[in-house]
Amino acid sequence: MAYSINQDQNGKLKKVKLFALDMDGTLYLGNRWILGAEDFLAAIKSGGRRYTFMTNNSSRGIGTYISKLESMNLRAAEDEFTTSAKATIWYLNREHPGASVFLMGNSSLKEEFLKEGINVTEEGDPDVVVAAFDTELTYKKLCVTCDLVREGKPYIATHPDINCPTETGFIPDLGSMIELIASSAGRRPDIIIGKPNRTMMEYLISASGYAPDEICVIGDRLYTDIAFGEKNGIMSILVLSGETSYEDLLASDNHPDLVFDSVREIIPLL
C-alpha cells in the first residue's frame, strides 16, 4: 500500500475536536521536545480544540508525567491524561465494584488505586488480580500472582506492550510478564485494557465526552497507536519521529489515515 505524506484531501482534521497523543517518540524523545511539538500543542488549544496525553505505561503515576512536562516548561493538568492505569480503575469500578484487588504493580500505581477507592490487598483471598508494568517486581510477588491466576481469579492486565523504550534501549514491559505468567499458570489475562484494545477507547469516550468521529489518535507505533485507531473506528495519524520508519509502514498490516514526518507538519492543517 502506497502512502502520500502530508495529505488530508478530505479535510478530516478539521472535524477533530480531541487529539489523543502518544508522548515518547511523538512529542518528545527522552527529555527533549521533538522540533515543533510545543507549537503543535499550542496550535491545538488556540484553535479551540483539546488534547489528551495517552499512554499505556502503568509504571508511572500521572504526577510523574506532570513533573516531567513541567521540567520541559509545559504545564499539564491531571485531566489531560488518558492512561491504562486510569482506564483499569474505571473498568474495575464498572465491572468489579467493591472488589478486593491483588496488584502486581509499582507503589505509585498502588497509591493511585487507593486514591480512587480501589481496595488493594496483599493478604487474604482477593477477588481480582491486576497485572501492571511493575519495575519493583519481586520474585515473591510474581509467585503470588501466578498462584492467584492459577486458582482462576479474574485476571486483568493494564496493557499489552512487550518492551518499554528507554534512552539506553529496551526493557521488558508487561507483555513479557504476561507470557511468563502464562508459562507458569497456564492462563493469559481475561481482559487487557490499554491500547489498542476497546476498553481504553470506552474509557476515553466516557472521560472526554467526545464521540469516536470527533477523536484522532496520533502516535509513532503502528501496533498500538495506529491499531487503536483502526480497531475503534477513529482517525489515526502516524508520525515518523519515533519508533516507526516509512519502510516499516509499507510492510505493516496497520494503516493510518495520514502520515507525517513529525507533528510540526500537522500545524498548517489544523
C-alpha atoms as a PDB file:
ATOM      1  CA  MET A   1       0.000   0.000   0.000  1.00  0.00           C
ATOM      2  CA  ALA A   2       1.457   3.367  -1.022  1.00  0.00           C
ATOM      3  CA  TYR A   3       1.223   6.456   1.169  1.00  0.00           C
ATOM      4  CA  SER A   4       1.362  10.144   0.402  1.00  0.00           C
ATOM      5  CA  ILE A   5       2.819  12.039   3.329  1.00  0.00           C
ATOM      6  CA  ASN A   6       1.223  15.369   4.333  1.00  0.00           C
ATOM      7  CA  GLN A   7      -2.083  14.784   2.536  1.00  0.00           C
ATOM      8  CA  ASP A   8      -5.520  15.486   4.017  1.00  0.00           C
ATOM      9  CA  GLN A   9      -7.576  15.725   0.869  1.00  0.00           C
ATOM     10  CA  ASN A  10     -10.883  15.063   2.624  1.00  0.00           C
ATOM     11  CA  GLY A  11     -10.292  17.637   5.353  1.00  0.00           C
ATOM     12  CA  LYS A  12     -10.675  15.087   8.156  1.00  0.00           C
ATOM     13  CA  LEU A  13      -8.507  17.036  10.577  1.00  0.00           C
ATOM     14  CA  LYS A  14     -10.901  19.976  10.506  1.00  0.00           C
ATOM     15  CA  LYS A  15     -13.593  17.806  12.114  1.00  0.00           C
ATOM     16  CA  VAL A  16     -11.444  16.594  15.032  1.00  0.00           C
ATOM     17  CA  LYS A  17     -12.196  18.047  18.481  1.00  0.00           C
ATOM     18  CA  LEU A  18      -9.907  15.869  20.629  1.00  0.00           C
ATOM     19  CA  PHE A  19      -6.391  14.678  19.824  1.00  0.00           C
ATOM     20  CA  ALA A  20      -5.242  11.602  21.762  1.00  0.00           C
ATOM     21  CA  LEU A  21      -1.477  11.995  21.790  1.00  0.00           C
ATOM     22  CA  ASP A  22       1.185   9.433  22.419  1.00  0.00           C
ATOM     23  CA  MET A  23       4.156  11.055  24.135  1.00  0.00           C
ATOM     24  CA  ASP A  24       7.604   9.480  23.809  1.00  0.00           C
ATOM     25  CA  GLY A  25       8.574   9.390  20.140  1.00  0.00           C
ATOM     26  CA  THR A  26       5.633  11.598  19.196  1.00  0.00           C
ATOM     27  CA  LEU A  27       6.084  14.767  21.252  1.00  0.00           C
ATOM     28  CA  TYR A  28       9.480  14.215  22.821  1.00  0.00           C
ATOM     29  CA  LEU A  29      12.466  11.904  22.901  1.00  0.00           C
ATOM     30  CA  GLY A  30      13.768  11.410  26.423  1.00  0.00           C
ATOM     31  CA  ASN A  31      13.738  14.908  27.912  1.00  0.00           C
ATOM     32  CA  ARG A  32      13.932  16.752  24.593  1.00  0.00           C
ATOM     33  CA  TRP A  33      10.970  18.125  22.656  1.00  0.00           C
ATOM     34  CA  ILE A  34      10.700  16.992  19.056  1.00  0.00           C
ATOM     35  CA  LEU A  35      11.066  20.104  16.908  1.00  0.00           C
ATOM     36  CA  GLY A  36       7.731  21.894  16.636  1.00  0.00           C
ATOM     37  CA  ALA A  37       5.893  19.786  19.251  1.00  0.00           C
ATOM     38  CA  GLU A  38       5.324  22.709  21.622  1.00  0.00           C
ATOM     39  CA  ASP A  39       3.958  24.803  18.757  1.00  0.00           C
ATOM     40  CA  PHE A  40       1.689  21.909  17.765  1.00  0.00           C
ATOM     41  CA  LEU A  41       0.192  21.699  21.267  1.00  0.00           C
ATOM     42  CA  ALA A  42      -0.318  25.463  21.323  1.00  0.00           C
ATOM     43  CA  ALA A  43      -1.986  25.369  17.898  1.00  0.00           C
ATOM     44  CA  ILE A  44      -4.493  22.764  19.088  1.00  0.00           C
ATOM     45  CA  LYS A  45      -5.562  24.924  22.020  1.00  0.00           C
ATOM     46  CA  SER A  46      -5.558  28.191  20.085  1.00  0.00           C
ATOM     47  CA  GLY A  47      -7.976  26.562  17.642  1.00  0.00           C
ATOM     48  CA  GLY A  48     -10.438  25.801  20.453  1.00  0.00           C
ATOM     49  CA  ARG A  49      -9.700  22.078  20.482  1.00  0.00           C
ATOM     50  CA  ARG A  50      -8.409  19.751  23.165  1.00  0.00           C
ATOM     51  CA  TYR A  51      -5.705  17.141  23.552  1.00  0.00           C
ATOM     52  CA  THR A  52      -5.125  14.296  25.971  1.00  0.00           C
ATOM     53  CA  PHE A  53      -1.787  12.648  26.615  1.00  0.00           C
ATOM     54  CA  MET A  54      -2.425   8.928  26.156  1.00  0.00           C
ATOM     55  CA  THR A  55      -0.045   6.255  27.396  1.00  0.00           C
ATOM     56  CA  ASN A  56      -0.063   2.539  28.135  1.00  0.00           C
ATOM     57  CA  ASN A  57       2.770   2.837  30.660  1.00  0.00           C
ATOM     58  CA  SER A  58       1.347   1.871  34.063  1.00  0.00           C
ATOM     59  CA  SER A  59       4.678   2.007  35.897  1.00  0.00           C
ATOM     60  CA  ARG A  60       4.421   5.764  36.402  1.00  0.00           C
ATOM     61  CA  GLY A  61       1.771   7.819  38.123  1.00  0.00           C
ATOM     62  CA  ILE A  62       0.265  10.862  36.398  1.00  0.00           C
ATOM     63  CA  GLY A  63       2.179  13.079  38.819  1.00  0.00           C
ATOM     64  CA  THR A  64       5.424  11.796  37.323  1.00  0.00           C
ATOM     65  CA  TYR A  65       4.325  12.849  33.835  1.00  0.00           C
ATOM     66  CA  ILE A  66       3.138  16.244  35.086  1.00  0.00           C
ATOM     67  CA  SER A  67       6.520  16.836  36.723  1.00  0.00           C
ATOM     68  CA  LYS A  68       8.356  15.738  33.585  1.00  0.00           C
ATOM     69  CA  LEU A  69       6.382  18.113  31.377  1.00  0.00           C
ATOM     70  CA  GLU A  70       6.839  20.949  33.888  1.00  0.00           C
ATOM     71  CA  SER A  71      10.611  20.375  33.702  1.00  0.00           C
ATOM     72  CA  MET A  72      10.200  20.853  29.932  1.00  0.00           C
ATOM     73  CA  ASN A  73       8.259  24.117  30.507  1.00  0.00           C
ATOM     74  CA  LEU A  74       4.766  22.786  29.829  1.00  0.00           C
ATOM     75  CA  ARG A  75       2.045  22.866  32.451  1.00  0.00           C
ATOM     76  CA  ALA A  76      -0.388  19.970  32.276  1.00  0.00           C
ATOM     77  CA  ALA A  77      -3.434  19.148  34.382  1.00  0.00           C
ATOM     78  CA  GLU A  78      -4.341  15.676  35.646  1.00  0.00           C
ATOM     79  CA  ASP A  79      -7.477  15.598  33.482  1.00  0.00           C
ATOM     80  CA  GLU A  80      -5.309  15.986  30.361  1.00  0.00           C
ATOM     81  CA  PHE A  81      -4.040  12.408  30.687  1.00  0.00           C
ATOM     82  CA  THR A  82      -5.548   9.132  29.495  1.00  0.00           C
ATOM     83  CA  THR A  83      -3.561   6.220  30.922  1.00  0.00           C
ATOM     84  CA  SER A  84      -4.002   2.465  31.040  1.00  0.00           C
ATOM     85  CA  ALA A  85      -3.968   2.802  34.837  1.00  0.00           C
ATOM     86  CA  LYS A  86      -6.901   5.248  34.864  1.00  0.00           C
ATOM     87  CA  ALA A  87      -8.776   3.074  32.380  1.00  0.00           C
ATOM     88  CA  THR A  88      -8.158  -0.006  34.560  1.00  0.00           C
ATOM     89  CA  ILE A  89      -9.511   1.786  37.639  1.00  0.00           C
ATOM     90  CA  TRP A  90     -12.572   2.827  35.623  1.00  0.00           C
ATOM     91  CA  TYR A  91     -13.064  -0.771  34.454  1.00  0.00           C
ATOM     92  CA  LEU A  92     -12.711  -2.172  37.984  1.00  0.00           C
ATOM     93  CA  ASN A  93     -15.309   0.251  39.331  1.00  0.00           C
ATOM     94  CA  ARG A  94     -17.666  -0.671  36.494  1.00  0.00           C
ATOM     95  CA  GLU A  95     -17.232  -4.443  36.393  1.00  0.00           C
ATOM     96  CA  HIS A  96     -15.967  -5.311  39.900  1.00  0.00           C
ATOM     97  CA  PRO A  97     -17.325  -2.620  42.245  1.00  0.00           C
ATOM     98  CA  GLY A  98     -16.053  -3.037  45.792  1.00  0.00           C
ATOM     99  CA  ALA A  99     -13.803  -5.959  44.864  1.00  0.00           C
ATOM    100  CA  SER A 100     -10.541  -6.572  46.683  1.00  0.00           C
ATOM    101  CA  VAL A 101      -7.596  -6.453  44.292  1.00  0.00           C
ATOM    102  CA  PHE A 102      -4.165  -8.029  44.356  1.00  0.00           C
ATOM    103  CA  LEU A 103      -1.949  -5.679  42.364  1.00  0.00           C
ATOM    104  CA  MET A 104       1.263  -6.675  40.643  1.00  0.00           C
ATOM    105  CA  GLY A 105       2.401  -3.100  40.192  1.00  0.00           C
ATOM    106  CA  ASN A 106       4.592  -0.286  41.429  1.00  0.00           C
ATOM    107  CA  SER A 107       3.965   1.530  44.708  1.00  0.00           C
ATOM    108  CA  SER A 108       2.979   4.689  42.781  1.00  0.00           C
ATOM    109  CA  LEU A 109       0.244   2.733  40.985  1.00  0.00           C
ATOM    110  CA  LYS A 110      -0.942   1.261  44.276  1.00  0.00           C
ATOM    111  CA  GLU A 111      -1.276   4.806  45.636  1.00  0.00           C
ATOM    112  CA  GLU A 112      -3.297   5.790  42.562  1.00  0.00           C
ATOM    113  CA  PHE A 113      -5.606   2.788  43.029  1.00  0.00           C
ATOM    114  CA  LEU A 114      -6.115   3.570  46.721  1.00  0.00           C
ATOM    115  CA  LYS A 115      -6.744   7.248  45.984  1.00  0.00           C
ATOM    116  CA  GLU A 116      -9.554   6.224  43.617  1.00  0.00           C
ATOM    117  CA  GLY A 117     -11.156   3.919  46.195  1.00  0.00           C
ATOM    118  CA  ILE A 118      -9.870   0.558  44.920  1.00  0.00           C
ATOM    119  CA  ASN A 119      -9.437  -1.952  47.750  1.00  0.00           C
ATOM    120  CA  VAL A 120      -5.847  -3.110  47.202  1.00  0.00           C
ATOM    121  CA  THR A 121      -4.805  -6.018  49.407  1.00  0.00           C
ATOM    122  CA  GLU A 122      -1.638  -8.063  49.757  1.00  0.00           C
ATOM    123  CA  GLU A 123      -3.126 -10.613  52.133  1.00  0.00           C
ATOM    124  CA  GLY A 124      -6.084 -12.966  52.358  1.00  0.00           C
ATOM    125  CA  ASP A 125      -8.155 -14.071  49.396  1.00  0.00           C
ATOM    126  CA  PRO A 126      -8.504 -11.222  46.858  1.00  0.00           C
ATOM    127  CA  ASP A 127     -11.371 -11.112  44.379  1.00  0.00           C
ATOM    128  CA  VAL A 128      -9.374  -9.913  41.359  1.00  0.00           C
ATOM    129  CA  VAL A 129      -5.779  -9.944  40.118  1.00  0.00           C
ATOM    130  CA  VAL A 130      -4.425  -6.926  38.248  1.00  0.00           C
ATOM    131  CA  ALA A 131      -1.050  -7.132  36.498  1.00  0.00           C
ATOM    132  CA  ALA A 132       0.714  -3.884  35.593  1.00  0.00           C
ATOM    133  CA  PHE A 133       4.171  -2.821  34.442  1.00  0.00           C
ATOM    134  CA  ASP A 134       5.976  -3.469  37.723  1.00  0.00           C
ATOM    135  CA  THR A 135       9.562  -2.206  37.782  1.00  0.00           C
ATOM    136  CA  GLU A 136       9.660  -3.074  41.503  1.00  0.00           C
ATOM    137  CA  LEU A 137       8.657  -6.696  40.879  1.00  0.00           C
ATOM    138  CA  THR A 138       9.931  -9.239  43.407  1.00  0.00           C
ATOM    139  CA  TYR A 139      10.008 -12.971  42.976  1.00  0.00           C
ATOM    140  CA  LYS A 140       7.581 -13.347  45.887  1.00  0.00           C
ATOM    141  CA  LYS A 141       5.067 -11.012  44.235  1.00  0.00           C
ATOM    142  CA  LEU A 142       5.434 -12.880  40.953  1.00  0.00           C
ATOM    143  CA  CYS A 143       4.785 -16.201  42.706  1.00  0.00           C
ATOM    144  CA  VAL A 144       1.648 -14.872  44.416  1.00  0.00           C
ATOM    145  CA  THR A 145       0.387 -13.507  41.097  1.00  0.00           C
ATOM    146  CA  CYS A 146       0.902 -16.859  39.396  1.00  0.00           C
ATOM    147  CA  ASP A 147      -0.801 -18.702  42.281  1.00  0.00           C
ATOM    148  CA  LEU A 148      -3.892 -16.495  42.081  1.00  0.00           C
ATOM    149  CA  VAL A 149      -4.079 -16.715  38.289  1.00  0.00           C
ATOM    150  CA  ARG A 150      -3.706 -20.478  38.523  1.00  0.00           C
ATOM    151  CA  GLU A 151      -6.607 -20.582  41.012  1.00  0.00           C
ATOM    152  CA  GLY A 152      -8.839 -18.967  38.395  1.00  0.00           C
ATOM    153  CA  LYS A 153      -9.254 -15.469  39.855  1.00  0.00           C
ATOM    154  CA  PRO A 154     -10.458 -12.820  37.385  1.00  0.00           C
ATOM    155  CA  TYR A 155      -7.238 -11.638  35.760  1.00  0.00           C
ATOM    156  CA  ILE A 156      -6.799  -8.146  34.298  1.00  0.00           C
ATOM    157  CA  ALA A 157      -3.730  -6.662  32.619  1.00  0.00           C
ATOM    158  CA  THR A 158      -3.290  -2.920  32.222  1.00  0.00           C
ATOM    159  CA  HIS A 159      -1.698  -3.071  28.738  1.00  0.00           C
ATOM    160  CA  PRO A 160      -0.028  -5.447  26.242  1.00  0.00           C
ATOM    161  CA  ASP A 161       3.344  -3.802  25.433  1.00  0.00           C
ATOM    162  CA  ILE A 162       6.169  -6.344  25.199  1.00  0.00           C
ATOM    163  CA  ASN A 163       9.042  -3.880  25.676  1.00  0.00           C
ATOM    164  CA  CYS A 164       9.356  -0.371  27.067  1.00  0.00           C
ATOM    165  CA  PRO A 165      11.728   2.010  25.253  1.00  0.00           C
ATOM    166  CA  THR A 166      14.262   3.900  27.359  1.00  0.00           C
ATOM    167  CA  GLU A 167      17.064   6.299  26.493  1.00  0.00           C
ATOM    168  CA  THR A 168      19.510   3.372  26.654  1.00  0.00           C
ATOM    169  CA  GLY A 169      17.441   0.716  24.863  1.00  0.00           C
ATOM    170  CA  PHE A 170      14.502  -1.574  25.648  1.00  0.00           C
ATOM    171  CA  ILE A 171      13.449  -3.164  28.944  1.00  0.00           C
ATOM    172  CA  PRO A 172      10.829  -5.932  29.422  1.00  0.00           C
ATOM    173  CA  ASP A 173       7.317  -4.487  29.759  1.00  0.00           C
ATOM    174  CA  LEU A 174       4.092  -6.090  30.982  1.00  0.00           C
ATOM    175  CA  GLY A 175       3.540  -8.064  27.774  1.00  0.00           C
ATOM    176  CA  SER A 176       6.672 -10.046  28.579  1.00  0.00           C
ATOM    177  CA  MET A 177       5.419 -10.682  32.113  1.00  0.00           C
ATOM    178  CA  ILE A 178       2.088 -11.878  30.715  1.00  0.00           C
ATOM    179  CA  GLU A 179       3.948 -14.565  28.772  1.00  0.00           C
ATOM    180  CA  LEU A 180       5.948 -15.543  31.859  1.00  0.00           C
ATOM    181  CA  ILE A 181       2.778 -15.859  33.953  1.00  0.00           C
ATOM    182  CA  ALA A 182       1.111 -17.855  31.166  1.00  0.00           C
ATOM    183  CA  SER A 183       4.028 -20.308  31.110  1.00  0.00           C
ATOM    184  CA  SER A 184       3.678 -20.902  34.835  1.00  0.00           C
ATOM    185  CA  ALA A 185      -0.065 -20.578  35.443  1.00  0.00           C
ATOM    186  CA  GLY A 186      -1.443 -21.683  32.074  1.00  0.00           C
ATOM    187  CA  ARG A 187      -3.607 -18.579  31.580  1.00  0.00           C
ATOM    188  CA  ARG A 188      -3.449 -15.254  29.844  1.00  0.00           C
ATOM    189  CA  PRO A 189      -5.464 -12.242  31.029  1.00  0.00           C
ATOM    190  CA  ASP A 190      -9.235 -12.309  30.794  1.00  0.00           C
ATOM    191  CA  ILE A 191      -9.000  -8.726  29.551  1.00  0.00           C
ATOM    192  CA  ILE A 192      -6.179  -6.372  28.555  1.00  0.00           C
ATOM    193  CA  ILE A 193      -7.127  -2.723  28.999  1.00  0.00           C
ATOM    194  CA  GLY A 194      -4.660  -0.447  27.168  1.00  0.00           C
ATOM    195  CA  LYS A 195      -4.099   0.473  23.535  1.00  0.00           C
ATOM    196  CA  PRO A 196      -5.119  -0.889  21.078  1.00  0.00           C
ATOM    197  CA  ASN A 197      -7.981  -2.514  22.979  1.00  0.00           C
ATOM    198  CA  ARG A 198     -11.618  -1.485  23.130  1.00  0.00           C
ATOM    199  CA  THR A 199     -11.782  -0.773  26.878  1.00  0.00           C
ATOM    200  CA  MET A 200      -9.239   2.035  26.523  1.00  0.00           C
ATOM    201  CA  MET A 201     -11.496   3.591  23.892  1.00  0.00           C
ATOM    202  CA  GLU A 202     -14.594   3.183  26.056  1.00  0.00           C
ATOM    203  CA  TYR A 203     -12.811   4.927  28.897  1.00  0.00           C
ATOM    204  CA  LEU A 204     -11.626   7.745  26.611  1.00  0.00           C
ATOM    205  CA  ILE A 205     -15.172   8.360  25.377  1.00  0.00           C
ATOM    206  CA  SER A 206     -16.575   8.223  28.912  1.00  0.00           C
ATOM    207  CA  ALA A 207     -13.938  10.568  30.351  1.00  0.00           C
ATOM    208  CA  SER A 208     -13.872  13.081  27.487  1.00  0.00           C
ATOM    209  CA  GLY A 209     -17.488  13.158  26.357  1.00  0.00           C
ATOM    210  CA  TYR A 210     -16.470  13.120  22.681  1.00  0.00           C
ATOM    211  CA  ALA A 211     -17.821  10.765  20.021  1.00  0.00           C
ATOM    212  CA  PRO A 212     -15.465   8.499  18.034  1.00  0.00           C
ATOM    213  CA  ASP A 213     -15.739  10.654  14.899  1.00  0.00           C
ATOM    214  CA  GLU A 214     -14.507  13.654  16.914  1.00  0.00           C
ATOM    215  CA  ILE A 215     -11.309  11.930  18.113  1.00  0.00           C
ATOM    216  CA  CYS A 216      -7.953  11.434  16.396  1.00  0.00           C
ATOM    217  CA  VAL A 217      -5.070   9.378  17.786  1.00  0.00           C
ATOM    218  CA  ILE A 218      -1.521  10.451  16.934  1.00  0.00           C
ATOM    219  CA  GLY A 219       1.483   8.241  17.621  1.00  0.00           C
ATOM    220  CA  ASP A 220       4.694   6.674  16.405  1.00  0.00           C
ATOM    221  CA  ARG A 221       3.784   2.997  16.935  1.00  0.00           C
ATOM    222  CA  LEU A 222       1.824   1.014  14.382  1.00  0.00           C
ATOM    223  CA  TYR A 223       0.792  -1.873  16.634  1.00  0.00           C
ATOM    224  CA  THR A 224      -0.577   0.267  19.482  1.00  0.00           C
ATOM    225  CA  ASP A 225      -1.379   3.811  18.334  1.00  0.00           C
ATOM    226  CA  ILE A 226      -2.443   3.128  14.745  1.00  0.00           C
ATOM    227  CA  ALA A 227      -4.053  -0.210  15.621  1.00  0.00           C
ATOM    228  CA  PHE A 228      -6.012   1.661  18.308  1.00  0.00           C
ATOM    229  CA  GLY A 229      -7.482   3.889  15.626  1.00  0.00           C
ATOM    230  CA  GLU A 230      -8.276   1.013  13.289  1.00  0.00           C
ATOM    231  CA  LYS A 231      -9.852  -1.223  15.929  1.00  0.00           C
ATOM    232  CA  ASN A 232     -12.014   1.536  17.370  1.00  0.00           C
ATOM    233  CA  GLY A 233     -13.117   3.398  14.277  1.00  0.00           C
ATOM    234  CA  ILE A 234     -11.313   6.671  14.914  1.00  0.00           C
ATOM    235  CA  MET A 235      -8.954   8.702  12.773  1.00  0.00           C
ATOM    236  CA  SER A 236      -5.257   7.877  13.184  1.00  0.00           C
ATOM    237  CA  ILE A 237      -2.073   9.735  12.279  1.00  0.00           C
ATOM    238  CA  LEU A 238       1.363   8.145  12.218  1.00  0.00           C
ATOM    239  CA  VAL A 239       4.406  10.320  12.822  1.00  0.00           C
ATOM    240  CA  LEU A 240       7.819   9.090  11.727  1.00  0.00           C
ATOM    241  CA  SER A 241       9.685  10.840  14.532  1.00  0.00           C
ATOM    242  CA  GLY A 242       9.918   7.822  16.816  1.00  0.00           C
ATOM    243  CA  GLU A 243       9.882   4.043  16.508  1.00  0.00           C
ATOM    244  CA  THR A 244       8.379   3.532  13.035  1.00  0.00           C
ATOM    245  CA  SER A 245      10.165   4.149   9.749  1.00  0.00           C
ATOM    246  CA  TYR A 246       8.496   4.619   6.378  1.00  0.00           C
ATOM    247  CA  GLU A 247       9.767   1.164   5.382  1.00  0.00           C
ATOM    248  CA  ASP A 248       8.100  -0.321   8.482  1.00  0.00           C
ATOM    249  CA  LEU A 249       4.857   1.338   7.450  1.00  0.00           C
ATOM    250  CA  LEU A 250       4.940  -0.106   3.938  1.00  0.00           C
ATOM    251  CA  ALA A 251       5.423  -3.615   5.361  1.00  0.00           C
ATOM    252  CA  SER A 252       2.720  -3.296   8.018  1.00  0.00           C
ATOM    253  CA  ASP A 253      -0.873  -4.509   8.169  1.00  0.00           C
ATOM    254  CA  ASN A 254      -1.782  -1.387  10.175  1.00  0.00           C
ATOM    255  CA  HIS A 255      -2.862   1.548   8.024  1.00  0.00           C
ATOM    256  CA  PRO A 256      -3.039   5.119   9.378  1.00  0.00           C
ATOM    257  CA  ASP A 257      -5.293   7.725   7.798  1.00  0.00           C
ATOM    258  CA  LEU A 258      -2.411  10.181   7.499  1.00  0.00           C
ATOM    259  CA  VAL A 259       1.373  10.082   7.779  1.00  0.00           C
ATOM    260  CA  PHE A 260       3.696  12.936   8.720  1.00  0.00           C
ATOM    261  CA  ASP A 261       7.391  13.174   9.453  1.00  0.00           C
ATOM    262  CA  SER A 262       6.539  14.917  12.749  1.00  0.00           C
ATOM    263  CA  VAL A 263       3.658  16.723  14.494  1.00  0.00           C
ATOM    264  CA  ARG A 264       5.170  20.016  13.328  1.00  0.00           C
ATOM    265  CA  GLU A 265       3.898  19.294   9.816  1.00  0.00           C
ATOM    266  CA  ILE A 266       0.316  18.915  11.051  1.00  0.00           C
ATOM    267  CA  ILE A 267       0.070  22.532  12.236  1.00  0.00           C
ATOM    268  CA  PRO A 268      -0.875  24.124   8.857  1.00  0.00           C
ATOM    269  CA  LEU A 269      -3.771  21.669   8.511  1.00  0.00           C
ATOM    270  CA  LEU A 270      -5.385  22.370  11.878  1.00  0.00           C
END
